[in-house]
Protein backbone atom coordinates (compact mmCIF):
# COMPACT_ATOMS: atom_id res chain seq x y z
CA MET A 1 85.00 108.82 104.93
CA ALA A 2 81.58 109.73 106.24
CA ALA A 3 80.86 113.22 107.54
CA ASP A 4 80.96 111.91 111.12
CA GLY A 5 84.47 110.56 110.59
CA SER A 6 83.38 106.92 110.47
CA LEU A 7 84.49 104.37 107.90
CA ILE A 8 81.06 102.76 107.56
CA TRP A 9 80.19 101.87 103.98
CA ASN A 10 76.76 103.02 102.85
CA SER A 11 75.57 99.92 101.03
CA ARG A 12 72.70 100.36 98.59
CA GLY A 13 70.85 97.45 100.17
CA VAL A 14 70.62 95.60 103.44
CA ARG A 15 73.50 93.35 102.38
CA LEU A 16 76.85 94.14 100.80
CA GLN A 17 76.29 93.04 97.22
CA PRO A 18 78.93 91.10 95.21
CA ALA A 19 79.39 94.08 92.87
CA GLU A 20 80.07 96.27 95.92
CA LEU A 21 82.88 94.18 97.41
CA ASN A 22 85.73 95.73 95.41
CA PRO A 23 84.43 99.31 95.86
CA PHE A 24 84.07 98.62 99.60
CA LEU A 25 87.64 97.32 99.82
CA LEU A 26 88.93 100.32 97.88
CA HIS A 27 86.97 102.63 100.21
CA CYS A 28 88.76 101.05 103.18
CA VAL A 29 92.19 101.33 101.55
CA GLN A 30 91.65 104.98 100.62
CA ASN A 31 90.80 105.69 104.26
CA GLY A 32 94.07 104.25 105.56
CA ALA A 33 93.19 100.60 106.22
CA SER A 34 96.01 98.13 106.77
CA ASP A 35 93.71 95.13 107.39
CA ILE A 36 90.06 94.32 106.73
CA THR A 37 88.42 91.45 108.62
CA PHE A 38 85.14 89.72 107.74
CA GLN A 39 83.85 87.30 110.39
CA SER A 40 80.67 85.28 110.71
CA GLY A 41 78.18 86.99 113.00
CA GLU A 42 80.22 90.21 113.23
CA ILE A 43 80.25 93.67 111.71
CA VAL A 44 83.26 94.06 109.38
CA ARG A 45 86.29 95.47 111.20
CA VAL A 46 88.78 97.78 109.48
CA GLU A 47 92.18 98.38 111.09
CA VAL A 48 93.56 101.90 110.68
CA ASN A 49 96.85 102.81 112.40
CA GLY A 50 96.49 99.81 114.70
CA VAL A 51 92.90 100.61 115.80
CA LEU A 52 89.86 98.50 114.81
CA ARG A 53 86.86 100.41 113.44
CA TYR A 54 83.49 99.36 112.04
CA GLY A 55 83.28 99.13 108.25
CA THR A 56 79.64 98.08 107.71
CA ARG A 57 76.30 98.70 109.37
CA LYS A 58 75.24 95.07 109.79
CA ALA A 59 76.86 91.84 110.91
CA PHE A 60 77.75 89.30 108.23
CA ASP A 61 75.76 86.08 108.15
CA SER A 62 76.62 82.84 106.34
CA SER A 63 75.35 84.14 102.97
CA ASP A 64 77.47 87.29 103.25
CA MET A 65 80.55 85.29 104.19
CA GLN A 66 80.08 82.84 101.34
CA MET A 67 79.80 85.74 98.88
CA VAL A 68 83.12 87.16 100.11
CA ILE A 69 84.87 83.77 100.02
CA ASP A 70 83.54 82.87 96.56
CA THR A 71 84.55 86.25 95.14
CA ILE A 72 88.05 86.07 96.57
CA THR A 73 88.89 82.43 95.89
CA GLN A 74 87.03 81.74 92.63
CA ASP A 75 87.52 78.15 93.81
CA THR A 76 84.68 75.62 94.12
CA SER A 77 86.78 73.49 96.48
CA ALA A 78 87.31 76.29 99.04
CA LYS A 79 84.09 75.50 100.92
CA THR A 80 85.03 71.82 101.20
CA GLN A 81 88.54 72.63 102.42
CA LEU A 82 87.25 75.01 105.08
CA ALA A 83 84.63 72.48 106.21
CA GLY A 84 87.47 70.00 106.66
CA GLY A 85 89.25 72.30 109.10
CA ARG A 86 91.83 73.64 106.64
CA TYR A 87 92.76 77.30 106.33
CA LEU A 88 93.40 79.01 103.00
CA ASP A 89 96.09 81.52 102.06
CA ARG A 90 95.40 83.50 98.91
CA SER A 91 96.18 86.74 97.15
CA TYR A 92 93.42 88.93 95.73
CA GLU A 93 93.54 91.90 93.40
CA PHE A 94 91.37 94.05 91.19
CA SER A 95 91.83 96.91 88.74
CA VAL A 96 91.30 100.51 89.78
CA GLY A 97 90.66 103.23 87.20
CA GLU A 98 90.39 103.15 83.44
CA ARG A 99 93.22 101.73 81.40
CA GLY A 100 96.05 104.22 81.21
CA GLU A 101 98.79 105.77 83.29
CA ASP A 102 96.54 106.35 86.30
CA SER A 103 95.16 102.80 86.50
CA TYR A 104 96.64 100.24 88.89
CA ARG A 105 96.02 96.90 90.58
CA GLN A 106 94.98 96.97 94.24
CA ARG A 107 96.33 93.85 95.93
CA PHE A 108 95.72 92.02 99.22
CA ARG A 109 97.11 89.08 101.17
CA VAL A 110 94.20 86.91 102.29
CA ASN A 111 93.84 84.31 105.03
CA ILE A 112 90.57 82.39 105.41
CA MET A 113 90.09 80.37 108.58
CA PRO A 114 87.16 78.27 109.81
CA LEU A 115 85.82 79.07 113.28
CA TRP A 116 82.84 78.55 115.60
CA ALA A 117 80.43 81.49 115.75
CA ASP A 118 76.97 81.75 117.28
CA GLY A 119 76.77 78.02 117.83
CA ARG A 120 77.60 77.03 114.25
CA HIS A 121 80.47 76.74 111.83
CA GLY A 122 81.65 80.01 110.35
CA GLN A 123 84.70 81.69 108.86
CA GLN A 124 87.02 84.63 109.31
CA VAL A 125 88.52 86.32 106.25
CA THR A 126 91.48 88.60 106.93
CA MET A 127 92.62 90.81 104.06
CA ARG A 128 95.94 92.59 104.52
CA VAL A 129 96.47 95.56 102.23
CA ILE A 130 99.51 95.47 99.97
CA GLU A 131 100.70 99.01 99.44
CA ARG A 132 100.67 100.18 95.82
CA ILE A 133 104.11 101.78 96.04
CA ALA A 134 106.95 99.50 97.06
CA PRO A 135 108.76 100.71 100.20
CA GLU A 136 112.17 102.35 99.90
CA ILE A 137 114.72 102.08 102.67
CA GLU A 138 114.95 105.86 103.04
CA SER A 139 111.28 106.01 104.10
CA LEU A 140 111.64 103.53 106.98
CA GLY A 141 114.04 105.52 109.15
CA LEU A 142 116.38 102.58 109.63
CA GLU A 143 119.23 103.37 112.00
CA ALA A 144 122.50 104.43 110.32
CA ASP A 145 124.59 101.90 112.26
CA LEU A 146 122.25 99.09 111.16
CA LEU A 147 122.58 99.64 107.41
CA PRO A 148 126.10 98.17 106.91
CA TRP A 149 124.95 94.88 108.43
CA LEU A 150 122.15 94.54 105.85
CA GLN A 151 124.37 93.95 102.83
CA PRO A 152 126.65 90.98 103.60
CA ARG A 153 128.18 88.95 100.77
CA ASN A 154 127.10 85.72 102.48
CA GLY A 155 125.25 84.47 105.54
CA MET A 156 121.79 85.03 107.01
CA ILE A 157 119.84 88.23 107.57
CA TRP A 158 116.82 87.67 109.83
CA ILE A 159 113.89 90.12 109.82
CA THR A 160 111.56 89.14 112.65
CA GLY A 161 108.48 90.27 114.55
CA PRO A 162 104.82 89.41 115.15
CA THR A 163 102.23 89.28 112.37
CA GLY A 164 101.61 92.76 110.99
CA ALA A 165 104.90 94.19 112.28
CA GLY A 166 106.12 95.27 108.85
CA LYS A 167 108.60 92.44 108.26
CA THR A 168 107.83 92.23 104.54
CA THR A 169 108.05 96.01 104.20
CA VAL A 170 111.54 96.05 105.72
CA LYS A 171 112.68 93.06 103.69
CA VAL A 172 111.45 94.47 100.37
CA ALA A 173 113.05 97.85 101.11
CA ILE A 174 116.39 96.16 101.84
CA LEU A 175 116.29 94.17 98.61
CA ARG A 176 115.33 97.22 96.54
CA TRP A 177 118.19 99.16 98.16
CA ARG A 178 120.71 96.42 97.37
CA ALA A 179 119.30 95.91 93.88
CA ARG A 180 119.85 99.54 92.92
CA GLY A 181 123.54 99.10 93.65
CA GLY A 182 123.87 95.85 91.68
CA CYS A 183 123.41 92.71 93.77
CA GLY A 184 123.76 89.93 91.17
CA LYS A 185 121.17 87.21 90.64
CA VAL A 186 118.61 87.01 93.44
CA ILE A 187 115.88 84.40 93.85
CA THR A 188 112.82 85.31 95.90
CA LEU A 189 110.41 82.72 97.29
CA GLU A 190 107.16 84.35 98.45
CA ASP A 191 103.72 83.32 99.71
CA PRO A 192 102.23 85.26 98.02
CA ILE A 193 104.20 87.75 95.91
CA GLU A 194 103.38 91.21 97.26
CA TYR A 195 105.70 93.64 95.49
CA THR A 196 107.53 93.39 92.19
CA TYR A 197 110.89 94.79 91.11
CA ASP A 198 110.06 95.51 87.48
CA ASP A 199 110.98 99.17 87.87
CA ILE A 200 114.58 98.37 88.81
CA GLU A 201 116.64 98.28 85.62
CA VAL A 202 120.23 97.79 86.75
CA GLU A 203 122.67 95.77 84.64
CA GLY A 204 124.24 94.13 87.70
CA THR A 205 120.92 92.98 89.17
CA LEU A 206 118.60 90.18 88.09
CA ILE A 207 115.71 89.30 90.41
CA SER A 208 113.49 86.27 89.77
CA GLN A 209 110.33 86.01 91.88
CA HIS A 210 108.52 82.74 92.64
CA GLU A 211 105.21 82.25 94.42
CA ILE A 212 104.76 79.18 96.62
CA GLY A 213 102.02 76.91 95.30
CA ARG A 214 102.06 78.46 91.84
CA ASP A 215 105.68 78.51 90.65
CA VAL A 216 107.26 76.16 93.19
CA VAL A 217 105.89 73.57 95.61
CA SER A 218 107.52 74.82 98.83
CA PHE A 219 110.15 77.17 100.24
CA ALA A 220 112.53 74.26 100.81
CA GLU A 221 112.12 72.93 97.24
CA GLY A 222 112.59 76.43 95.85
CA LEU A 223 115.84 76.79 97.77
CA ARG A 224 117.17 73.43 96.68
CA SER A 225 116.42 74.04 93.02
CA GLY A 226 117.61 77.64 93.30
CA LEU A 227 121.08 76.61 94.39
CA ARG A 228 121.58 75.03 90.96
CA ARG A 229 121.00 78.41 89.29
CA LYS A 230 124.12 80.07 90.73
CA PRO A 231 122.43 83.00 92.53
CA ALA A 232 124.18 85.58 94.67
CA GLY A 233 121.37 85.53 97.22
CA PHE A 234 117.91 84.42 98.30
CA ASP A 235 114.95 86.27 99.77
CA ILE A 236 112.75 83.74 101.56
CA GLY A 237 109.27 84.59 102.75
CA GLU A 238 109.44 82.67 106.03
CA ALA A 239 111.61 80.01 107.64
CA ARG A 240 108.48 78.27 108.93
CA ASP A 241 109.75 74.71 109.42
CA ALA A 242 112.91 72.66 109.89
CA GLU A 243 113.10 71.66 106.22
CA THR A 244 113.04 75.28 105.01
CA LEU A 245 115.44 76.43 107.71
CA LEU A 246 117.90 73.63 106.89
CA ALA A 247 117.86 74.58 103.20
CA ALA A 248 118.33 78.27 104.10
CA LEU A 249 121.29 77.43 106.34
CA GLU A 250 122.80 75.35 103.54
CA ALA A 251 122.46 78.30 101.15
CA ALA A 252 124.08 80.63 103.69
CA ARG A 253 126.90 78.14 104.40
CA THR A 254 127.73 77.79 100.71
CA GLY A 255 128.46 81.46 100.08
CA HIS A 256 125.03 82.98 99.41
CA TRP A 257 123.41 85.79 101.35
CA THR A 258 120.00 84.68 102.52
CA MET A 259 117.25 86.89 103.95
CA VAL A 260 114.46 85.22 105.94
CA THR A 261 111.63 86.20 108.28
CA SER A 262 110.48 84.68 111.54
CA HIS A 263 107.67 85.34 114.04
CA THR A 264 110.01 86.07 116.94
CA SER A 265 110.25 89.14 119.17
CA SER A 266 113.94 89.56 119.96
CA VAL A 267 117.41 88.70 118.71
CA ALA A 268 117.97 86.03 121.36
CA GLU A 269 114.54 84.47 120.82
CA THR A 270 115.22 84.22 117.08
CA VAL A 271 118.31 82.10 117.69
CA ASP A 272 116.49 79.92 120.26
CA ARG A 273 113.45 79.39 118.02
CA ALA A 274 115.59 78.49 115.02
CA VAL A 275 117.41 75.81 117.00
CA VAL A 276 114.32 74.18 118.52
CA GLU A 277 112.76 73.74 115.07
CA PHE A 278 115.08 70.74 114.68
CA PRO A 279 114.85 67.30 116.31
CA ALA A 280 116.57 67.11 119.70
CA GLN A 281 119.44 64.99 118.38
CA GLU A 282 120.26 67.63 115.74
CA GLN A 283 119.94 70.76 117.83
CA GLU A 284 123.54 71.03 118.98
CA ALA A 285 124.92 70.95 115.43
CA ARG A 286 122.20 73.22 114.04
CA ALA A 287 122.76 75.75 116.84
CA PHE A 288 126.34 76.22 115.66
CA ASP A 289 125.12 76.55 112.05
CA VAL A 290 122.69 79.30 113.08
CA ILE A 291 125.44 81.32 114.79
CA HIS A 292 128.11 80.65 112.13
CA THR A 293 125.82 81.89 109.36
CA ALA A 294 124.23 84.82 111.24
CA ARG A 295 125.12 88.27 109.89
CA CYS A 296 122.28 90.39 111.28
CA ILE A 297 119.04 89.90 113.21
CA VAL A 298 116.43 92.68 113.26
CA ALA A 299 113.29 92.35 115.41
CA GLN A 300 110.63 94.98 114.70
CA ILE A 301 107.30 95.98 116.21
CA LEU A 302 104.87 98.73 115.18
CA VAL A 303 103.39 101.00 117.86
CA PRO A 304 100.96 103.97 117.83
CA ASN A 305 102.38 107.29 116.73
CA ALA A 306 101.91 109.99 119.38
CA LYS A 307 101.56 112.52 116.56
CA GLY A 308 98.89 110.51 114.76
CA GLY A 309 99.14 108.85 111.38
CA ARG A 310 101.25 105.83 110.45
CA ARG A 311 102.55 103.66 113.25
CA VAL A 312 106.16 103.89 114.39
CA GLY A 313 108.61 101.05 113.77
CA LEU A 314 110.81 100.16 116.76
CA ARG A 315 113.72 97.81 116.19
CA GLU A 316 116.02 95.63 118.24
CA TYR A 317 119.06 94.46 116.30
CA LEU A 318 122.53 93.00 116.41
CA GLY A 319 125.17 92.71 113.71
CA PHE A 320 127.05 89.42 114.03
CA SER A 321 130.72 90.22 113.44
CA GLU A 322 133.26 87.42 113.53
CA GLU A 323 134.23 88.49 117.05
CA ILE A 324 130.63 88.47 118.27
CA ARG A 325 130.03 85.02 116.79
CA ARG A 326 133.19 83.81 118.52
CA GLN A 327 132.04 85.24 121.86
CA ILE A 328 128.73 83.42 121.63
CA LEU A 329 130.25 80.12 120.56
CA LYS A 330 132.68 80.16 123.51
CA LYS A 331 129.73 79.93 125.89
CA PRO A 332 127.76 76.76 126.71
CA ARG A 333 124.58 76.75 124.63
CA VAL A 334 122.38 77.12 127.72
CA GLU A 335 124.02 80.53 128.26
CA TRP A 336 123.61 81.80 124.71
CA SER A 337 120.40 83.75 125.30
CA GLU A 338 121.88 85.70 128.20
CA GLU A 339 125.08 86.33 126.24
CA ILE A 340 123.19 87.52 123.16
CA GLU A 341 121.01 89.87 125.23
CA GLY A 342 124.16 91.42 126.69
CA LEU A 343 125.72 91.81 123.24
CA VAL A 344 122.54 93.47 121.96
CA ARG A 345 122.86 96.10 124.71
CA GLU A 346 126.60 96.59 124.12
CA ALA A 347 126.98 96.33 120.35
CA GLY A 348 123.48 96.66 118.88
CA GLN A 349 120.22 98.18 120.01
CA SER A 350 117.72 96.76 122.49
CA MET A 351 113.98 97.28 122.09
CA SER A 352 113.97 99.32 125.30
CA LYS A 353 116.63 101.63 123.87
CA ALA A 354 114.65 101.98 120.64
CA ALA A 355 111.58 102.95 122.68
CA PHE A 356 113.60 105.48 124.72
CA LYS A 357 114.90 107.14 121.55
CA ALA A 358 111.40 107.28 120.04
CA ALA A 359 109.94 108.76 123.23
CA ASP A 360 112.73 111.32 123.38
CA ARG A 361 111.81 112.43 119.85
CA GLY A 362 108.13 112.67 120.79
CA LEU A 363 107.13 109.83 118.44
CA ILE A 364 105.55 107.68 121.15
CA ASP A 365 103.79 108.63 124.39
CA GLU A 366 104.68 107.52 127.91
CA GLN A 367 102.06 104.76 127.97
CA THR A 368 103.45 103.20 124.79
CA TYR A 369 107.00 103.53 126.10
CA GLU A 370 106.10 101.69 129.30
CA TRP A 371 104.31 98.98 127.31
CA VAL A 372 107.33 98.40 125.05
CA VAL A 373 109.75 98.25 127.99
CA GLY A 374 107.47 95.83 129.86
CA ARG A 375 107.10 93.68 126.75
CA ALA A 376 110.88 93.58 126.29
CA ARG A 377 111.36 92.44 129.89
CA ALA A 378 108.74 89.70 129.45
CA VAL A 379 110.40 88.45 126.23
CA SER A 380 113.80 88.15 127.90
CA ALA A 381 112.44 86.58 131.11
């Protein structure tokens, strides 16, 4: 970090040179970056603890952007795909240090999206930092009454929240926790693979990881083929469409535990969103499948830490016992959201309660508390 506390990279020339890209990215990571964004016509932005900061002295023009895209993709067709209005999802990594015990691979999740900037076609490249050390459940401060619901023998565990809310971190920590206790054969389907489990050497655990687009065509295809391999459970990157969700429900119905993510903000919204993924004529039947297979739904957001440093995870959650599932299913489907919200308050934890507890411990300030409570009201409205 510069003497003035800024993150700005002191490039040797006017432009960031190709040979400087990896050192620049490493500089950002070492200064606490979670995301690095390159955009046509803009100075590079680096997100640290939820706040955007400048990372370069000059805005990136088309030549700068093409250098970044070419370096990351190593793909001559990338330019054509972007020009055709398609976005690209990639992973990117490079070696840090000399070969030996102290060397490692720094990895990123990358999204490249075409956009309109300064009256012409441009791009935005978002690079999300993959932490070197895989998260452990003890480091996340998960609530004690939540933990028992995260290790069912069958059914669905949903980890939800907006982009950048730490869903993958929570999911990986849960799987590592279960793996250390012996969790049988587990198939993961990821886009891309972020963390590995090579360090877990437990006789009763066997984890096979598959990357979408490289090892398997799609989440749904990976699930269908995976069922023939007699696994105990699945870890699915995202239930992003009806085909994937249907395959995940089938896995959960047939005795497998299945962990999925979704871009939803509450327990009730997760159920609603899952149902509306299906055609109207199927929604009634699929709604019952979603409730019958549900074992736990956790919705997380990350908010600024009043004490500085890493952001604070706030969680709404509900464990779906047999009695709770029965209570929901007794109601007409149009009343499920209201019923689930009531059950969250009675038997789980609401986002407002999570915010109150964090404020009481001095982890978040009053402004953040009010924002979280207002957001929770808007989600349930």
